[in-house]
Amino acid sequence: MPKHPDFIKIHARFIKQYGKEKGNDLYFAWLKKKGYDDTKPFPGGKEKKEFRCSV
C-alpha cells in the first residue's frame, strides 16, 4: 500500500539526514515505536490549538 504524502515527506527527511540505509532503518523503527500507520494521514490534524474556534 502506498505511503500517505505526510509520511513521504517525513521519510525523505530521514533519508536526507541519515543516508539511505540508516534513514530507512530509523524511519521504520520510529513508525513502530510511535505506532503510526504510514498509509493514513499523520495524526494530530492540521489546525493549531490557537486557531480553533471555540463556539
PDB file of N, CA and C in Angstrom:
ATOM      1  N   MET A   1       0.843  -1.177   0.000  1.00  0.00           N
ATOM      2  CA  MET A   1       0.000   0.000   0.000  1.00  0.00           C
ATOM      3  C   MET A   1       0.894   1.248   0.000  1.00  0.00           C
ATOM      4  N   PRO A   2       0.523   2.265  -0.774  1.00  0.00           N
ATOM      5  CA  PRO A   2       1.372   3.464  -0.856  1.00  0.00           C
ATOM      6  C   PRO A   2       1.340   4.304   0.416  1.00  0.00           C
ATOM      7  N   LYS A   3       2.417   5.039   0.599  1.00  0.00           N
ATOM      8  CA  LYS A   3       2.528   5.925   1.763  1.00  0.00           C
ATOM      9  C   LYS A   3       1.668   7.168   1.569  1.00  0.00           C
ATOM     10  N   HIS A   4       1.157   7.688   2.673  1.00  0.00           N
ATOM     11  CA  HIS A   4       0.434   8.963   2.653  1.00  0.00           C
ATOM     12  C   HIS A   4       1.464  10.072   2.415  1.00  0.00           C
ATOM     13  N   PRO A   5       1.086  11.144   1.704  1.00  0.00           N
ATOM     14  CA  PRO A   5       2.043  12.233   1.427  1.00  0.00           C
ATOM     15  C   PRO A   5       2.721  12.818   2.668  1.00  0.00           C
ATOM     16  N   ASP A   6       2.028  12.841   3.807  1.00  0.00           N
ATOM     17  CA  ASP A   6       2.655  13.331   5.040  1.00  0.00           C
ATOM     18  C   ASP A   6       3.890  12.499   5.375  1.00  0.00           C
ATOM     19  N   PHE A   7       3.760  11.188   5.248  1.00  0.00           N
ATOM     20  CA  PHE A   7       4.850  10.293   5.605  1.00  0.00           C
ATOM     21  C   PHE A   7       5.923  10.224   4.521  1.00  0.00           C
ATOM     22  N   ILE A   8       5.570  10.530   3.284  1.00  0.00           N
ATOM     23  CA  ILE A   8       6.583  10.601   2.224  1.00  0.00           C
ATOM     24  C   ILE A   8       7.581  11.712   2.559  1.00  0.00           C
ATOM     25  N   LYS A   9       7.061  12.858   3.020  1.00  0.00           N
ATOM     26  CA  LYS A   9       7.931  13.981   3.397  1.00  0.00           C
ATOM     27  C   LYS A   9       8.813  13.619   4.589  1.00  0.00           C
ATOM     28  N   ILE A  10       8.227  12.966   5.580  1.00  0.00           N
ATOM     29  CA  ILE A  10       8.983  12.582   6.775  1.00  0.00           C
ATOM     30  C   ILE A  10      10.071  11.582   6.406  1.00  0.00           C
ATOM     31  N   HIS A  11       9.722  10.601   5.570  1.00  0.00           N
ATOM     32  CA  HIS A  11      10.696   9.593   5.138  1.00  0.00           C
ATOM     33  C   HIS A  11      11.852  10.256   4.388  1.00  0.00           C
ATOM     34  N   ALA A  12      11.534  11.204   3.527  1.00  0.00           N
ATOM     35  CA  ALA A  12      12.577  11.917   2.776  1.00  0.00           C
ATOM     36  C   ALA A  12      13.527  12.660   3.714  1.00  0.00           C
ATOM     37  N   ARG A  13      12.997  13.218   4.797  1.00  0.00           N
ATOM     38  CA  ARG A  13      13.855  13.910   5.772  1.00  0.00           C
ATOM     39  C   ARG A  13      14.790  12.939   6.481  1.00  0.00           C
ATOM     40  N   PHE A  14      14.286  11.753   6.820  1.00  0.00           N
ATOM     41  CA  PHE A  14      15.143  10.736   7.437  1.00  0.00           C
ATOM     42  C   PHE A  14      16.271  10.355   6.477  1.00  0.00           C
ATOM     43  N   ILE A  15      15.946  10.146   5.193  1.00  0.00           N
ATOM     44  CA  ILE A  15      16.948   9.771   4.188  1.00  0.00           C
ATOM     45  C   ILE A  15      17.979  10.893   4.021  1.00  0.00           C
ATOM     46  N   LYS A  16      17.506  12.131   3.957  1.00  0.00           N
ATOM     47  CA  LYS A  16      18.411  13.271   3.774  1.00  0.00           C
ATOM     48  C   LYS A  16      19.366  13.412   4.957  1.00  0.00           C
ATOM     49  N   GLN A  17      18.846  13.217   6.169  1.00  0.00           N
ATOM     50  CA  GLN A  17      19.667  13.423   7.358  1.00  0.00           C
ATOM     51  C   GLN A  17      20.622  12.268   7.619  1.00  0.00           C
ATOM     52  N   TYR A  18      20.160  11.021   7.426  1.00  0.00           N
ATOM     53  CA  TYR A  18      20.951   9.861   7.839  1.00  0.00           C
ATOM     54  C   TYR A  18      21.495   9.011   6.697  1.00  0.00           C
ATOM     55  N   GLY A  19      21.141   9.309   5.457  1.00  0.00           N
ATOM     56  CA  GLY A  19      21.546   8.470   4.346  1.00  0.00           C
ATOM     57  C   GLY A  19      20.494   7.395   4.101  1.00  0.00           C
ATOM     58  N   LYS A  20      20.593   6.722   2.951  1.00  0.00           N
ATOM     59  CA  LYS A  20      19.525   5.805   2.535  1.00  0.00           C
ATOM     60  C   LYS A  20      19.324   4.629   3.489  1.00  0.00           C
ATOM     61  N   GLU A  21      20.366   3.879   3.765  1.00  0.00           N
ATOM     62  CA  GLU A  21      20.214   2.659   4.569  1.00  0.00           C
ATOM     63  C   GLU A  21      19.839   2.964   6.022  1.00  0.00           C
ATOM     64  N   LYS A  22      20.617   3.823   6.673  1.00  0.00           N
ATOM     65  CA  LYS A  22      20.336   4.146   8.071  1.00  0.00           C
ATOM     66  C   LYS A  22      19.025   4.925   8.192  1.00  0.00           C
ATOM     67  N   GLY A  23      18.735   5.794   7.229  1.00  0.00           N
ATOM     68  CA  GLY A  23      17.485   6.550   7.228  1.00  0.00           C
ATOM     69  C   GLY A  23      16.267   5.646   7.166  1.00  0.00           C
ATOM     70  N   ASN A  24      16.324   4.620   6.297  1.00  0.00           N
ATOM     71  CA  ASN A  24      15.222   3.654   6.218  1.00  0.00           C
ATOM     72  C   ASN A  24      15.049   2.911   7.532  1.00  0.00           C
ATOM     73  N   ASP A  25      16.151   2.439   8.089  1.00  0.00           N
ATOM     74  CA  ASP A  25      16.084   1.699   9.359  1.00  0.00           C
ATOM     75  C   ASP A  25      15.478   2.556  10.467  1.00  0.00           C
ATOM     76  N   LEU A  26      15.943   3.791  10.580  1.00  0.00           N
ATOM     77  CA  LEU A  26      15.441   4.680  11.627  1.00  0.00           C
ATOM     78  C   LEU A  26      13.986   5.078  11.395  1.00  0.00           C
ATOM     79  N   TYR A  27      13.617   5.287  10.142  1.00  0.00           N
ATOM     80  CA  TYR A  27      12.229   5.644   9.819  1.00  0.00           C
ATOM     81  C   TYR A  27      11.267   4.541  10.249  1.00  0.00           C
ATOM     82  N   PHE A  28      11.574   3.302   9.887  1.00  0.00           N
ATOM     83  CA  PHE A  28      10.673   2.200  10.234  1.00  0.00           C
ATOM     84  C   PHE A  28      10.692   1.900  11.726  1.00  0.00           C
ATOM     85  N   ALA A  29      11.820   2.104  12.382  1.00  0.00           N
ATOM     86  CA  ALA A  29      11.873   1.945  13.839  1.00  0.00           C
ATOM     87  C   ALA A  29      11.020   3.024  14.512  1.00  0.00           C
ATOM     88  N   TRP A  30      11.080   4.244  13.993  1.00  0.00           N
ATOM     89  CA  TRP A  30      10.277   5.349  14.522  1.00  0.00           C
ATOM     90  C   TRP A  30       8.784   5.070  14.342  1.00  0.00           C
ATOM     91  N   LEU A  31       8.396   4.583  13.146  1.00  0.00           N
ATOM     92  CA  LEU A  31       6.990   4.234  12.906  1.00  0.00           C
ATOM     93  C   LEU A  31       6.503   3.193  13.903  1.00  0.00           C
ATOM     94  N   LYS A  32       7.313   2.166  14.096  1.00  0.00           N
ATOM     95  CA  LYS A  32       6.926   1.086  15.003  1.00  0.00           C
ATOM     96  C   LYS A  32       6.832   1.586  16.447  1.00  0.00           C
ATOM     97  N   LYS A  33       7.812   2.378  16.867  1.00  0.00           N
ATOM     98  CA  LYS A  33       7.828   2.885  18.243  1.00  0.00           C
ATOM     99  C   LYS A  33       6.613   3.764  18.527  1.00  0.00           C
ATOM    100  N   LYS A  34       6.273   4.631  17.583  1.00  0.00           N
ATOM    101  CA  LYS A  34       5.152   5.557  17.770  1.00  0.00           C
ATOM    102  C   LYS A  34       3.800   4.920  17.454  1.00  0.00           C
ATOM    103  N   GLY A  35       3.813   3.791  16.737  1.00  0.00           N
ATOM    104  CA  GLY A  35       2.560   3.128  16.372  1.00  0.00           C
ATOM    105  C   GLY A  35       1.828   3.808  15.226  1.00  0.00           C
ATOM    106  N   TYR A  36       2.556   4.527  14.373  1.00  0.00           N
ATOM    107  CA  TYR A  36       1.943   5.228  13.252  1.00  0.00           C
ATOM    108  C   TYR A  36       1.699   4.281  12.084  1.00  0.00           C
ATOM    109  N   ASP A  37       0.664   4.569  11.298  1.00  0.00           N
ATOM    110  CA  ASP A  37       0.365   3.848  10.066  1.00  0.00           C
ATOM    111  C   ASP A  37       0.671   4.812   8.926  1.00  0.00           C
ATOM    112  N   ASP A  38       1.702   4.498   8.133  1.00  0.00           N
ATOM    113  CA  ASP A  38       2.120   5.447   7.101  1.00  0.00           C
ATOM    114  C   ASP A  38       1.221   5.460   5.870  1.00  0.00           C
ATOM    115  N   THR A  39       0.126   4.691   5.881  1.00  0.00           N
ATOM    116  CA  THR A  39      -0.838   4.750   4.790  1.00  0.00           C
ATOM    117  C   THR A  39      -1.980   5.707   5.121  1.00  0.00           C
ATOM    118  N   LYS A  40      -2.005   6.221   6.350  1.00  0.00           N
ATOM    119  CA  LYS A  40      -3.041   7.158   6.795  1.00  0.00           C
ATOM    120  C   LYS A  40      -2.389   8.509   7.087  1.00  0.00           C
ATOM    121  N   PRO A  41      -3.184   9.591   7.163  1.00  0.00           N
ATOM    122  CA  PRO A  41      -2.602  10.910   7.467  1.00  0.00           C
ATOM    123  C   PRO A  41      -1.899  10.924   8.820  1.00  0.00           C
ATOM    124  N   PHE A  42      -0.919  11.813   8.939  1.00  0.00           N
ATOM    125  CA  PHE A  42      -0.202  11.966  10.192  1.00  0.00           C
ATOM    126  C   PHE A  42      -1.182  12.415  11.269  1.00  0.00           C
ATOM    127  N   PRO A  43      -1.187  11.761  12.426  1.00  0.00           N
ATOM    128  CA  PRO A  43      -2.147  12.120  13.471  1.00  0.00           C
ATOM    129  C   PRO A  43      -1.913  13.523  14.035  1.00  0.00           C
ATOM    130  N   GLY A  44      -2.964  14.141  14.517  1.00  0.00           N
ATOM    131  CA  GLY A  44      -2.837  15.448  15.145  1.00  0.00           C
ATOM    132  C   GLY A  44      -3.571  16.547  14.420  1.00  0.00           C
ATOM    133  N   GLY A  45      -3.925  16.336  13.189  1.00  0.00           N
ATOM    134  CA  GLY A  45      -4.659  17.356  12.445  1.00  0.00           C
ATOM    135  C   GLY A  45      -3.774  18.499  12.008  1.00  0.00           C
ATOM    136  N   LYS A  46      -4.303  19.319  11.147  1.00  0.00           N
ATOM    137  CA  LYS A  46      -3.526  20.426  10.607  1.00  0.00           C
ATOM    138  C   LYS A  46      -3.787  21.734  11.332  1.00  0.00           C
ATOM    139  N   GLU A  47      -4.896  21.826  12.069  1.00  0.00           N
ATOM    140  CA  GLU A  47      -5.191  23.057  12.791  1.00  0.00           C
ATOM    141  C   GLU A  47      -4.399  23.128  14.080  1.00  0.00           C
ATOM    142  N   LYS A  48      -3.889  24.298  14.348  1.00  0.00           N
ATOM    143  CA  LYS A  48      -3.214  24.505  15.625  1.00  0.00           C
ATOM    144  C   LYS A  48      -4.245  24.888  16.672  1.00  0.00           C
ATOM    145  N   LYS A  49      -3.924  24.629  17.904  1.00  0.00           N
ATOM    146  CA  LYS A  49      -4.843  24.895  19.002  1.00  0.00           C
ATOM    147  C   LYS A  49      -5.275  26.362  19.047  1.00  0.00           C
ATOM    148  N   GLU A  50      -4.371  27.269  18.745  1.00  0.00           N
ATOM    149  CA  GLU A  50      -4.670  28.694  18.827  1.00  0.00           C
ATOM    150  C   GLU A  50      -5.720  29.132  17.802  1.00  0.00           C
ATOM    151  N   PHE A  51      -5.816  28.408  16.690  1.00  0.00           N
ATOM    152  CA  PHE A  51      -6.692  28.823  15.606  1.00  0.00           C
ATOM    153  C   PHE A  51      -8.042  28.113  15.604  1.00  0.00           C
ATOM    154  N   ARG A  52      -8.273  27.216  16.527  1.00  0.00           N
ATOM    155  CA  ARG A  52      -9.559  26.535  16.595  1.00  0.00           C
ATOM    156  C   ARG A  52     -10.609  27.485  17.141  1.00  0.00           C
ATOM    157  N   CYS A  53     -11.779  27.406  16.566  1.00  0.00           N
ATOM    158  CA  CYS A  53     -12.885  28.256  17.004  1.00  0.00           C
ATOM    159  C   CYS A  53     -13.636  27.552  18.123  1.00  0.00           C
ATOM    160  N   SER A  54     -13.742  28.178  19.265  1.00  0.00           N
ATOM    161  CA  SER A  54     -14.471  27.581  20.378  1.00  0.00           C
ATOM    162  C   SER A  54     -15.836  28.242  20.486  1.00  0.00           C
ATOM    163  N   VAL A  55     -16.817  27.576  19.945  1.00  0.00           N
ATOM    164  CA  VAL A  55     -18.181  28.121  19.922  1.00  0.00           C
ATOM    165  C   VAL A  55     -18.996  27.483  21.006  1.00  0.00           C
TER     166      VAL A  55
END
